[in-house]
Amino acid sequence: MTRRQNSHSALILDSVLTCPHCGHSKREDMPVDACQFFYECESCKTLLRPQPGDCCVFCSFGSVKCPPVQAQRQCCGEGLGAIPADRPQVT
C-alpha cells in the first residue's frame, strides 16, 4: 500500500473512503486547500456528509484524516453546524 506524500512535509494526501451504507471503498486524493463536505459513493450513490464533530468526509469515513487535521491546523470545516442533517441523500 503506497501513500502519496507532500514533498514539503510528511502529510499523507490520499485516503481510502469507505461507505458506511454499502461498504464500498475507494482511494481518493484529498484536497490540501479545501474541505470536502460531500462525497457520492460510486456504488450505492449515497451522499456522504461529515459526521458531527468532523470537518470533512475524510475525517469521518477515510482511512487517513484530512491534511489540516494531520498538520494539527484548524480546518476550514470546523464547527460545521451549517450542513443540515436532514438534507436529502442522492439516490
C-alpha atoms as a PDB file:
ATOM      1  CA  MET A   1       0.000   0.000   0.000  1.00  0.00           C
ATOM      2  CA  THR A   2       1.551   3.252  -1.080  1.00  0.00           C
ATOM      3  CA  ARG A   3       0.528   6.656   0.077  1.00  0.00           C
ATOM      4  CA  ARG A   4       1.198   9.835  -1.828  1.00  0.00           C
ATOM      5  CA  GLN A   5       3.019  12.314   0.376  1.00  0.00           C
ATOM      6  CA  ASN A   6       3.568  16.029   0.106  1.00  0.00           C
ATOM      7  CA  SER A   7       7.217  16.830  -0.648  1.00  0.00           C
ATOM      8  CA  HIS A   8       7.209  19.667   1.927  1.00  0.00           C
ATOM      9  CA  SER A   9       6.129  17.529   4.886  1.00  0.00           C
ATOM     10  CA  ALA A  10       5.027  14.099   5.962  1.00  0.00           C
ATOM     11  CA  LEU A  11       1.363  14.741   5.233  1.00  0.00           C
ATOM     12  CA  ILE A  12      -0.478  11.851   3.628  1.00  0.00           C
ATOM     13  CA  LEU A  13      -2.511  13.184   0.707  1.00  0.00           C
ATOM     14  CA  ASP A  14      -4.701  10.218  -0.148  1.00  0.00           C
ATOM     15  CA  SER A  15      -7.182   8.222   1.878  1.00  0.00           C
ATOM     16  CA  VAL A  16      -9.456   5.237   1.386  1.00  0.00           C
ATOM     17  CA  LEU A  17     -13.061   6.349   1.799  1.00  0.00           C
ATOM     18  CA  THR A  18     -15.429   3.589   2.911  1.00  0.00           C
ATOM     19  CA  CYS A  19     -19.181   3.992   2.529  1.00  0.00           C
ATOM     20  CA  PRO A  20     -20.939   3.175   5.813  1.00  0.00           C
ATOM     21  CA  HIS A  21     -24.069   2.134   3.900  1.00  0.00           C
ATOM     22  CA  CYS A  22     -22.736  -0.437   1.419  1.00  0.00           C
ATOM     23  CA  GLY A  23     -19.098  -0.923   2.462  1.00  0.00           C
ATOM     24  CA  HIS A  24     -17.646   0.129  -0.905  1.00  0.00           C
ATOM     25  CA  SER A  25     -14.111   1.531  -0.577  1.00  0.00           C
ATOM     26  CA  LYS A  26     -12.123   3.721  -2.921  1.00  0.00           C
ATOM     27  CA  ARG A  27      -8.781   5.511  -2.634  1.00  0.00           C
ATOM     28  CA  GLU A  28      -9.192   9.252  -3.251  1.00  0.00           C
ATOM     29  CA  ASP A  29      -6.829  12.218  -3.307  1.00  0.00           C
ATOM     30  CA  MET A  30      -7.511  14.708  -0.525  1.00  0.00           C
ATOM     31  CA  PRO A  31      -7.586  18.438  -1.249  1.00  0.00           C
ATOM     32  CA  VAL A  32      -4.939  20.314   0.711  1.00  0.00           C
ATOM     33  CA  ASP A  33      -6.544  23.747   0.417  1.00  0.00           C
ATOM     34  CA  ALA A  34     -10.239  22.990   0.986  1.00  0.00           C
ATOM     35  CA  CYS A  35     -12.564  20.718   2.923  1.00  0.00           C
ATOM     36  CA  GLN A  36     -14.573  18.118   1.072  1.00  0.00           C
ATOM     37  CA  PHE A  37     -18.007  18.230   2.654  1.00  0.00           C
ATOM     38  CA  PHE A  38     -19.762  15.786   0.330  1.00  0.00           C
ATOM     39  CA  TYR A  39     -18.801  12.559  -1.401  1.00  0.00           C
ATOM     40  CA  GLU A  40     -21.086  10.384  -3.505  1.00  0.00           C
ATOM     41  CA  CYS A  41     -20.433   6.658  -3.161  1.00  0.00           C
ATOM     42  CA  GLU A  42     -19.896   5.324  -6.661  1.00  0.00           C
ATOM     43  CA  SER A  43     -21.501   2.000  -5.711  1.00  0.00           C
ATOM     44  CA  CYS A  44     -24.767   2.846  -3.905  1.00  0.00           C
ATOM     45  CA  LYS A  45     -24.876   6.593  -4.807  1.00  0.00           C
ATOM     46  CA  THR A  46     -25.370   7.622  -1.155  1.00  0.00           C
ATOM     47  CA  LEU A  47     -24.244  11.188  -0.498  1.00  0.00           C
ATOM     48  CA  LEU A  48     -21.836  11.108   2.433  1.00  0.00           C
ATOM     49  CA  ARG A  49     -21.508  14.121   4.726  1.00  0.00           C
ATOM     50  CA  PRO A  50     -19.161  14.696   7.674  1.00  0.00           C
ATOM     51  CA  GLN A  51     -20.328  13.234  10.955  1.00  0.00           C
ATOM     52  CA  PRO A  52     -20.952  15.692  13.800  1.00  0.00           C
ATOM     53  CA  GLY A  53     -17.636  16.969  15.110  1.00  0.00           C
ATOM     54  CA  ASP A  54     -15.701  16.125  11.936  1.00  0.00           C
ATOM     55  CA  CYS A  55     -14.674  18.734   9.380  1.00  0.00           C
ATOM     56  CA  CYS A  56     -14.926  16.654   6.208  1.00  0.00           C
ATOM     57  CA  VAL A  57     -15.794  13.254   4.723  1.00  0.00           C
ATOM     58  CA  PHE A  58     -12.154  12.133   5.004  1.00  0.00           C
ATOM     59  CA  CYS A  59     -12.168  12.689   8.763  1.00  0.00           C
ATOM     60  CA  SER A  60     -15.443  10.753   9.061  1.00  0.00           C
ATOM     61  CA  PHE A  61     -15.071   7.912   6.559  1.00  0.00           C
ATOM     62  CA  GLY A  62     -11.447   7.883   5.448  1.00  0.00           C
ATOM     63  CA  SER A  63      -8.505   5.720   6.425  1.00  0.00           C
ATOM     64  CA  VAL A  64      -6.495   8.923   6.960  1.00  0.00           C
ATOM     65  CA  LYS A  65      -7.632  12.265   8.393  1.00  0.00           C
ATOM     66  CA  CYS A  66      -7.511  15.339   6.133  1.00  0.00           C
ATOM     67  CA  PRO A  67      -4.221  17.267   5.700  1.00  0.00           C
ATOM     68  CA  PRO A  68      -5.146  20.199   8.009  1.00  0.00           C
ATOM     69  CA  VAL A  69      -6.031  17.791  10.833  1.00  0.00           C
ATOM     70  CA  GLN A  70      -2.828  15.802  10.207  1.00  0.00           C
ATOM     71  CA  ALA A  71      -0.863  19.053  10.478  1.00  0.00           C
ATOM     72  CA  GLN A  72      -2.827  19.996  13.623  1.00  0.00           C
ATOM     73  CA  ARG A  73      -4.099  23.159  11.948  1.00  0.00           C
ATOM     74  CA  GLN A  74      -7.631  24.479  12.042  1.00  0.00           C
ATOM     75  CA  CYS A  75      -9.595  23.022   9.191  1.00  0.00           C
ATOM     76  CA  CYS A  76     -11.958  25.178   7.140  1.00  0.00           C
ATOM     77  CA  GLY A  77     -14.887  22.930   8.087  1.00  0.00           C
ATOM     78  CA  GLU A  78     -14.523  23.016  11.867  1.00  0.00           C
ATOM     79  CA  GLY A  79     -17.710  23.931  13.629  1.00  0.00           C
ATOM     80  CA  LEU A  80     -19.804  22.765  10.707  1.00  0.00           C
ATOM     81  CA  GLY A  81     -23.244  23.456  12.005  1.00  0.00           C
ATOM     82  CA  ALA A  82     -24.296  24.782   8.629  1.00  0.00           C
ATOM     83  CA  ILE A  83     -24.846  21.419   6.944  1.00  0.00           C
ATOM     84  CA  PRO A  84     -28.386  20.315   7.781  1.00  0.00           C
ATOM     85  CA  ALA A  85     -28.694  16.702   8.917  1.00  0.00           C
ATOM     86  CA  ASP A  86     -31.979  16.349   7.048  1.00  0.00           C
ATOM     87  CA  ARG A  87     -30.521  17.193   3.618  1.00  0.00           C
ATOM     88  CA  PRO A  88     -31.804  14.553   1.197  1.00  0.00           C
ATOM     89  CA  GLN A  89     -29.335  11.947   0.037  1.00  0.00           C
ATOM     90  CA  VAL A  90     -28.586  11.369  -3.620  1.00  0.00           C
ATOM     91  CA  THR A  91     -30.173   8.186  -4.894  1.00  0.00           C
END
